[in-house]
Amino acid sequence: MLDAAVGSGLLLGAGDDGTAVGHTPVYMEVEAGFIFDRDVSIEYVLGATLQLEDTPGVGFTPQVRLLRPFGLITGYISAGVPVYVFPFTRFGFEVGGGALFPIVPERFAVGAQLQIDTFFGGSDLPPDTTVLMFNLGLGGRVWF
């Protein structure tokens, strides 16, 4: 499968100077998911993220996604390791969830996702700073 989404959200930064609140830079992500042994309840995903606002950046997120159908809608939860590689570095952990609503069954679906990322290392984070992001993304999925 191939997913694509655009989103933004809320950013919280914690460090020695207190807590900063702002909006997450708008991002676009494209993800390729793979299944093995015809088990459609688990996907192994490699995503590429493009940060479009502020300092444009490129990152990757390997993750695992567990899916479960609820009538027409398929819900999922995921966990991954986001790593930005250019022009700055940043790494952390990600958990999320979402829902897919089929438009053309097993060919195309629209989706919404909520991702919670925590970044604790990288060249664009001051020392002793952790960033927490809550992002909402909207997009679609194509099955091959």
N, C-alpha and C. Protein backbone atom coordinates (compact mmCIF):
# COMPACT_ATOMS: atom_id res chain seq x y z
N MET A 1 0.84 -1.18 0.00
CA MET A 1 0.00 0.00 0.00
C MET A 1 0.88 1.23 0.00
N LEU A 2 0.29 2.34 -0.35
CA LEU A 2 0.97 3.63 -0.34
C LEU A 2 0.02 4.64 0.28
N ASP A 3 0.48 5.30 1.34
CA ASP A 3 -0.30 6.34 2.02
C ASP A 3 0.33 7.70 1.75
N ALA A 4 -0.48 8.73 1.72
CA ALA A 4 0.01 10.11 1.65
C ALA A 4 -0.90 10.95 2.52
N ALA A 5 -0.31 11.89 3.26
CA ALA A 5 -1.10 12.75 4.15
C ALA A 5 -0.41 14.10 4.30
N VAL A 6 -1.22 15.11 4.61
CA VAL A 6 -0.74 16.45 4.93
C VAL A 6 -1.31 16.78 6.30
N GLY A 7 -0.50 17.43 7.15
CA GLY A 7 -0.99 17.73 8.47
C GLY A 7 -0.19 18.78 9.20
N SER A 8 -0.65 19.06 10.40
CA SER A 8 -0.01 19.99 11.33
C SER A 8 -0.60 19.71 12.70
N GLY A 9 -0.17 20.47 13.68
CA GLY A 9 -0.69 20.24 15.01
C GLY A 9 -0.13 21.18 16.04
N LEU A 10 0.02 20.67 17.26
CA LEU A 10 0.47 21.43 18.42
C LEU A 10 1.85 20.95 18.83
N LEU A 11 2.73 21.90 19.13
CA LEU A 11 4.10 21.59 19.55
C LEU A 11 4.33 22.13 20.95
N LEU A 12 4.88 21.29 21.82
CA LEU A 12 5.25 21.68 23.17
C LEU A 12 6.74 21.43 23.33
N GLY A 13 7.48 22.41 23.79
CA GLY A 13 8.91 22.26 24.03
C GLY A 13 9.22 22.48 25.49
N ALA A 14 9.96 21.57 26.09
CA ALA A 14 10.32 21.69 27.51
C ALA A 14 11.84 21.74 27.63
N GLY A 15 12.31 22.69 28.39
CA GLY A 15 13.75 22.82 28.63
C GLY A 15 14.02 23.59 29.90
N ASP A 16 15.24 24.08 30.04
CA ASP A 16 15.62 24.83 31.24
C ASP A 16 14.85 26.13 31.41
N ASP A 17 14.41 26.73 30.29
CA ASP A 17 13.71 28.01 30.34
C ASP A 17 12.20 27.87 30.48
N GLY A 18 11.68 26.68 30.72
CA GLY A 18 10.25 26.48 30.87
C GLY A 18 9.67 25.76 29.66
N THR A 19 8.37 25.97 29.42
CA THR A 19 7.67 25.30 28.35
C THR A 19 7.26 26.29 27.28
N ALA A 20 7.52 25.95 26.03
CA ALA A 20 7.11 26.76 24.89
C ALA A 20 6.00 26.02 24.16
N VAL A 21 5.00 26.78 23.68
CA VAL A 21 3.86 26.21 22.96
C VAL A 21 3.78 26.88 21.60
N GLY A 22 3.52 26.11 20.56
CA GLY A 22 3.37 26.65 19.22
C GLY A 22 2.67 25.66 18.33
N HIS A 23 2.62 25.99 17.05
CA HIS A 23 2.02 25.03 16.12
C HIS A 23 3.13 24.27 15.40
N THR A 24 2.87 23.01 15.10
CA THR A 24 3.82 22.17 14.40
C THR A 24 3.90 22.64 12.95
N PRO A 25 5.10 22.73 12.38
CA PRO A 25 5.20 23.08 10.96
C PRO A 25 4.39 22.11 10.10
N VAL A 26 3.75 22.64 9.07
CA VAL A 26 2.98 21.81 8.14
C VAL A 26 3.92 20.79 7.52
N TYR A 27 3.44 19.55 7.43
CA TYR A 27 4.26 18.48 6.87
C TYR A 27 3.46 17.69 5.84
N MET A 28 4.17 16.99 5.00
CA MET A 28 3.58 16.03 4.07
C MET A 28 4.35 14.73 4.24
N GLU A 29 3.64 13.63 4.30
CA GLU A 29 4.33 12.36 4.41
C GLU A 29 3.80 11.37 3.38
N VAL A 30 4.70 10.53 2.93
CA VAL A 30 4.38 9.44 2.02
C VAL A 30 4.93 8.18 2.66
N GLU A 31 4.08 7.15 2.76
CA GLU A 31 4.48 5.92 3.44
C GLU A 31 4.21 4.71 2.55
N ALA A 32 5.15 3.80 2.52
CA ALA A 32 4.98 2.52 1.84
C ALA A 32 4.86 1.44 2.90
N GLY A 33 3.79 0.66 2.82
CA GLY A 33 3.56 -0.39 3.80
C GLY A 33 3.63 -1.76 3.16
N PHE A 34 4.12 -2.71 3.93
CA PHE A 34 4.30 -4.07 3.43
C PHE A 34 3.66 -5.05 4.39
N ILE A 35 3.06 -6.12 3.84
CA ILE A 35 2.51 -7.20 4.65
C ILE A 35 3.25 -8.48 4.26
N PHE A 36 3.28 -9.43 5.18
CA PHE A 36 3.94 -10.71 4.93
C PHE A 36 2.98 -11.84 5.25
N ASP A 37 3.07 -12.92 4.52
CA ASP A 37 2.24 -14.11 4.72
C ASP A 37 0.75 -13.80 4.68
N ARG A 38 0.37 -12.81 3.89
CA ARG A 38 -1.05 -12.42 3.70
C ARG A 38 -1.73 -12.00 5.00
N ASP A 39 -0.96 -11.60 6.00
CA ASP A 39 -1.52 -11.15 7.27
C ASP A 39 -1.78 -9.64 7.18
N VAL A 40 -3.03 -9.26 6.87
CA VAL A 40 -3.37 -7.85 6.68
C VAL A 40 -3.64 -7.12 8.00
N SER A 41 -3.43 -7.81 9.13
CA SER A 41 -3.64 -7.15 10.42
C SER A 41 -2.40 -6.43 10.91
N ILE A 42 -1.25 -6.62 10.23
CA ILE A 42 -0.02 -5.94 10.64
C ILE A 42 0.72 -5.48 9.39
N GLU A 43 1.17 -4.23 9.43
CA GLU A 43 1.93 -3.65 8.31
C GLU A 43 3.28 -3.17 8.83
N TYR A 44 4.28 -3.35 8.00
CA TYR A 44 5.62 -2.83 8.27
C TYR A 44 5.79 -1.66 7.31
N VAL A 45 6.04 -0.48 7.86
CA VAL A 45 5.93 0.76 7.09
C VAL A 45 7.25 1.52 7.12
N LEU A 46 7.60 2.09 5.97
CA LEU A 46 8.69 3.06 5.90
C LEU A 46 8.10 4.33 5.33
N GLY A 47 8.17 5.40 6.12
CA GLY A 47 7.60 6.68 5.72
C GLY A 47 8.67 7.72 5.49
N ALA A 48 8.40 8.61 4.55
CA ALA A 48 9.25 9.78 4.31
C ALA A 48 8.42 11.02 4.65
N THR A 49 8.99 11.91 5.45
CA THR A 49 8.30 13.12 5.88
C THR A 49 9.02 14.34 5.35
N LEU A 50 8.26 15.27 4.78
CA LEU A 50 8.79 16.55 4.33
C LEU A 50 8.20 17.64 5.20
N GLN A 51 9.03 18.33 5.96
CA GLN A 51 8.58 19.49 6.73
C GLN A 51 8.53 20.66 5.77
N LEU A 52 7.35 21.26 5.58
CA LEU A 52 7.15 22.27 4.56
C LEU A 52 7.27 23.70 5.07
N GLU A 53 7.10 23.92 6.36
CA GLU A 53 7.14 25.26 6.95
C GLU A 53 8.42 25.46 7.72
N ASP A 54 8.67 26.71 8.12
CA ASP A 54 9.87 27.08 8.87
C ASP A 54 11.09 26.63 8.07
N THR A 55 11.93 25.81 8.64
CA THR A 55 13.08 25.26 7.92
C THR A 55 12.63 23.96 7.25
N PRO A 56 12.53 23.94 5.91
CA PRO A 56 12.13 22.68 5.26
C PRO A 56 13.12 21.57 5.62
N GLY A 57 12.59 20.39 5.85
CA GLY A 57 13.42 19.26 6.25
C GLY A 57 12.90 17.96 5.70
N VAL A 58 13.76 16.94 5.73
CA VAL A 58 13.42 15.61 5.25
C VAL A 58 13.71 14.60 6.35
N GLY A 59 12.76 13.72 6.59
CA GLY A 59 12.95 12.69 7.60
C GLY A 59 12.35 11.37 7.16
N PHE A 60 12.65 10.33 7.93
CA PHE A 60 12.15 8.99 7.67
C PHE A 60 11.61 8.41 8.96
N THR A 61 10.57 7.57 8.84
CA THR A 61 10.00 6.93 10.02
C THR A 61 9.70 5.47 9.74
N PRO A 62 10.55 4.56 10.18
CA PRO A 62 10.17 3.14 10.13
C PRO A 62 9.18 2.89 11.27
N GLN A 63 8.13 2.10 10.98
CA GLN A 63 7.12 1.85 12.00
C GLN A 63 6.40 0.54 11.75
N VAL A 64 5.67 0.13 12.77
CA VAL A 64 4.81 -1.04 12.70
C VAL A 64 3.39 -0.55 12.97
N ARG A 65 2.46 -1.07 12.18
CA ARG A 65 1.06 -0.64 12.28
C ARG A 65 0.16 -1.86 12.45
N LEU A 66 -0.70 -1.84 13.46
CA LEU A 66 -1.67 -2.91 13.71
C LEU A 66 -3.04 -2.42 13.27
N LEU A 67 -3.72 -3.18 12.41
CA LEU A 67 -5.01 -2.77 11.85
C LEU A 67 -6.14 -3.68 12.31
N ARG A 68 -7.33 -3.08 12.42
CA ARG A 68 -8.51 -3.86 12.79
C ARG A 68 -9.74 -3.25 12.12
N PRO A 69 -10.52 -4.04 11.40
CA PRO A 69 -11.73 -3.51 10.77
C PRO A 69 -12.86 -3.33 11.80
N PHE A 70 -13.60 -2.23 11.62
CA PHE A 70 -14.80 -1.94 12.41
C PHE A 70 -15.91 -1.60 11.43
N GLY A 71 -16.57 -2.60 10.89
CA GLY A 71 -17.55 -2.36 9.83
C GLY A 71 -16.83 -1.91 8.57
N LEU A 72 -17.27 -0.79 7.99
CA LEU A 72 -16.62 -0.25 6.79
C LEU A 72 -15.27 0.38 7.09
N ILE A 73 -15.11 0.92 8.29
CA ILE A 73 -13.90 1.65 8.65
C ILE A 73 -12.85 0.68 9.22
N THR A 74 -11.60 0.91 8.84
CA THR A 74 -10.50 0.15 9.42
C THR A 74 -9.71 1.09 10.32
N GLY A 75 -9.57 0.73 11.58
CA GLY A 75 -8.79 1.52 12.52
C GLY A 75 -7.40 0.94 12.68
N TYR A 76 -6.47 1.76 13.09
CA TYR A 76 -5.11 1.26 13.32
C TYR A 76 -4.41 2.03 14.42
N ILE A 77 -3.41 1.38 15.00
CA ILE A 77 -2.47 2.02 15.92
C ILE A 77 -1.07 1.74 15.37
N SER A 78 -0.14 2.63 15.69
CA SER A 78 1.21 2.47 15.15
C SER A 78 2.24 2.94 16.16
N ALA A 79 3.47 2.47 15.95
CA ALA A 79 4.62 2.90 16.74
C ALA A 79 5.82 2.94 15.80
N GLY A 80 6.65 3.99 15.97
CA GLY A 80 7.79 4.12 15.09
C GLY A 80 8.90 4.97 15.67
N VAL A 81 9.93 5.16 14.86
CA VAL A 81 11.11 5.93 15.25
C VAL A 81 11.36 6.99 14.17
N PRO A 82 10.88 8.24 14.37
CA PRO A 82 11.12 9.28 13.38
C PRO A 82 12.54 9.83 13.47
N VAL A 83 13.16 10.00 12.31
CA VAL A 83 14.52 10.53 12.23
C VAL A 83 14.57 11.54 11.10
N TYR A 84 14.86 12.80 11.42
CA TYR A 84 15.09 13.81 10.38
C TYR A 84 16.57 13.81 10.05
N VAL A 85 16.88 13.92 8.74
CA VAL A 85 18.27 13.79 8.32
C VAL A 85 18.82 14.99 7.56
N PHE A 86 17.95 15.88 7.04
CA PHE A 86 18.45 17.01 6.26
C PHE A 86 17.49 18.18 6.35
N PRO A 87 17.89 19.40 6.52
CA PRO A 87 19.23 19.94 6.73
C PRO A 87 19.63 19.93 8.21
N PHE A 88 18.77 19.39 9.04
CA PHE A 88 19.07 19.26 10.47
C PHE A 88 18.83 17.80 10.85
N THR A 89 19.29 17.42 12.02
CA THR A 89 19.00 16.08 12.52
C THR A 89 18.09 16.19 13.73
N ARG A 90 17.21 15.20 13.86
CA ARG A 90 16.30 15.13 15.01
C ARG A 90 15.81 13.70 15.08
N PHE A 91 15.72 13.14 16.28
CA PHE A 91 15.22 11.77 16.41
C PHE A 91 14.42 11.62 17.69
N GLY A 92 13.56 10.60 17.69
CA GLY A 92 12.72 10.36 18.85
C GLY A 92 11.84 9.13 18.67
N PHE A 93 10.65 9.17 19.28
CA PHE A 93 9.68 8.07 19.21
C PHE A 93 8.34 8.62 18.76
N GLU A 94 7.54 7.74 18.15
CA GLU A 94 6.22 8.14 17.67
C GLU A 94 5.21 7.04 17.96
N VAL A 95 4.04 7.42 18.43
CA VAL A 95 2.88 6.53 18.53
C VAL A 95 1.72 7.24 17.86
N GLY A 96 0.80 6.47 17.35
CA GLY A 96 -0.32 7.11 16.65
C GLY A 96 -1.45 6.15 16.42
N GLY A 97 -2.43 6.67 15.75
CA GLY A 97 -3.60 5.89 15.39
C GLY A 97 -4.36 6.62 14.31
N GLY A 98 -5.26 5.90 13.68
CA GLY A 98 -6.03 6.52 12.61
C GLY A 98 -7.15 5.64 12.16
N ALA A 99 -7.81 6.11 11.10
CA ALA A 99 -8.93 5.39 10.52
C ALA A 99 -8.91 5.55 9.01
N LEU A 100 -9.28 4.49 8.33
CA LEU A 100 -9.37 4.49 6.87
C LEU A 100 -10.80 4.19 6.46
N PHE A 101 -11.34 4.99 5.54
CA PHE A 101 -12.69 4.79 5.03
C PHE A 101 -12.58 4.49 3.54
N PRO A 102 -12.96 3.27 3.11
CA PRO A 102 -12.78 2.90 1.71
C PRO A 102 -13.73 3.67 0.78
N ILE A 103 -13.17 4.17 -0.31
CA ILE A 103 -13.97 4.79 -1.37
C ILE A 103 -14.17 3.75 -2.48
N VAL A 104 -13.08 3.09 -2.86
CA VAL A 104 -13.11 1.94 -3.78
C VAL A 104 -12.49 0.78 -2.98
N PRO A 105 -13.30 -0.17 -2.52
CA PRO A 105 -12.79 -1.22 -1.63
C PRO A 105 -11.52 -1.89 -2.16
N GLU A 106 -10.53 -2.01 -1.27
CA GLU A 106 -9.22 -2.62 -1.52
C GLU A 106 -8.44 -1.97 -2.65
N ARG A 107 -8.81 -0.73 -3.02
CA ARG A 107 -8.06 0.03 -4.03
C ARG A 107 -7.73 1.44 -3.55
N PHE A 108 -8.72 2.15 -2.96
CA PHE A 108 -8.49 3.52 -2.52
C PHE A 108 -9.34 3.83 -1.28
N ALA A 109 -8.72 4.50 -0.32
CA ALA A 109 -9.42 4.91 0.91
C ALA A 109 -8.96 6.31 1.30
N VAL A 110 -9.81 7.05 1.99
CA VAL A 110 -9.40 8.31 2.61
C VAL A 110 -9.14 8.00 4.08
N GLY A 111 -8.25 8.79 4.68
CA GLY A 111 -7.89 8.50 6.05
C GLY A 111 -7.58 9.73 6.87
N ALA A 112 -7.64 9.55 8.16
CA ALA A 112 -7.26 10.57 9.13
C ALA A 112 -6.38 9.90 10.17
N GLN A 113 -5.38 10.63 10.65
CA GLN A 113 -4.46 10.04 11.63
C GLN A 113 -4.08 11.07 12.69
N LEU A 114 -3.81 10.57 13.87
CA LEU A 114 -3.27 11.36 14.97
C LEU A 114 -1.93 10.75 15.34
N GLN A 115 -0.89 11.57 15.35
CA GLN A 115 0.44 11.10 15.72
C GLN A 115 0.95 11.91 16.89
N ILE A 116 1.58 11.22 17.82
CA ILE A 116 2.22 11.88 18.96
C ILE A 116 3.71 11.55 18.87
N ASP A 117 4.51 12.58 18.67
CA ASP A 117 5.96 12.42 18.53
C ASP A 117 6.65 13.09 19.70
N THR A 118 7.69 12.45 20.18
CA THR A 118 8.57 13.10 21.15
C THR A 118 9.99 13.04 20.59
N PHE A 119 10.61 14.20 20.49
CA PHE A 119 11.98 14.30 20.00
C PHE A 119 12.87 14.71 21.16
N PHE A 120 13.94 13.98 21.35
CA PHE A 120 14.82 14.24 22.48
C PHE A 120 16.27 14.43 22.07
N GLY A 121 16.57 14.36 20.77
CA GLY A 121 17.94 14.55 20.32
C GLY A 121 18.00 15.08 18.92
N GLY A 122 19.08 15.79 18.63
CA GLY A 122 19.29 16.28 17.28
C GLY A 122 19.97 17.63 17.26
N SER A 123 20.40 18.03 16.07
CA SER A 123 21.16 19.27 15.93
C SER A 123 20.31 20.53 16.08
N ASP A 124 18.99 20.44 15.89
CA ASP A 124 18.16 21.65 16.00
C ASP A 124 17.47 21.77 17.36
N LEU A 125 17.80 20.90 18.30
CA LEU A 125 17.24 20.99 19.65
C LEU A 125 18.32 21.47 20.62
N PRO A 126 18.01 22.49 21.40
CA PRO A 126 18.99 22.91 22.42
C PRO A 126 19.24 21.78 23.42
N PRO A 127 20.40 21.79 24.08
CA PRO A 127 20.67 20.75 25.09
C PRO A 127 19.59 20.72 26.17
N ASP A 128 19.33 19.54 26.68
CA ASP A 128 18.35 19.33 27.75
C ASP A 128 16.94 19.78 27.36
N THR A 129 16.60 19.64 26.08
CA THR A 129 15.28 20.03 25.59
C THR A 129 14.59 18.82 24.98
N THR A 130 13.31 18.68 25.26
CA THR A 130 12.47 17.66 24.65
C THR A 130 11.31 18.35 23.97
N VAL A 131 10.96 17.88 22.78
CA VAL A 131 9.84 18.45 22.02
C VAL A 131 8.77 17.38 21.90
N LEU A 132 7.53 17.75 22.19
CA LEU A 132 6.37 16.87 22.08
C LEU A 132 5.43 17.47 21.05
N MET A 133 5.04 16.65 20.06
CA MET A 133 4.15 17.14 19.00
C MET A 133 2.90 16.27 18.92
N PHE A 134 1.76 16.91 18.75
CA PHE A 134 0.48 16.25 18.52
C PHE A 134 0.03 16.68 17.13
N ASN A 135 0.06 15.77 16.16
CA ASN A 135 -0.24 16.11 14.77
C ASN A 135 -1.47 15.38 14.27
N LEU A 136 -2.28 16.09 13.51
CA LEU A 136 -3.43 15.51 12.84
C LEU A 136 -3.16 15.59 11.35
N GLY A 137 -3.28 14.46 10.66
CA GLY A 137 -3.05 14.41 9.22
C GLY A 137 -4.26 13.86 8.49
N LEU A 138 -4.48 14.37 7.28
CA LEU A 138 -5.56 13.90 6.43
C LEU A 138 -4.97 13.50 5.09
N GLY A 139 -5.45 12.40 4.53
CA GLY A 139 -4.88 11.96 3.27
C GLY A 139 -5.62 10.78 2.68
N GLY A 140 -4.87 9.94 1.97
CA GLY A 140 -5.46 8.81 1.30
C GLY A 140 -4.53 7.62 1.24
N ARG A 141 -5.08 6.49 0.82
CA ARG A 141 -4.32 5.24 0.71
C ARG A 141 -4.69 4.56 -0.61
N VAL A 142 -3.65 4.02 -1.25
CA VAL A 142 -3.82 3.24 -2.47
C VAL A 142 -3.21 1.87 -2.21
N TRP A 143 -3.96 0.80 -2.53
CA TRP A 143 -3.47 -0.57 -2.40
C TRP A 143 -2.97 -1.06 -3.75
N PHE A 144 -1.90 -1.84 -3.73
CA PHE A 144 -1.37 -2.45 -4.96
C PHE A 144 -1.49 -3.95 -4.89
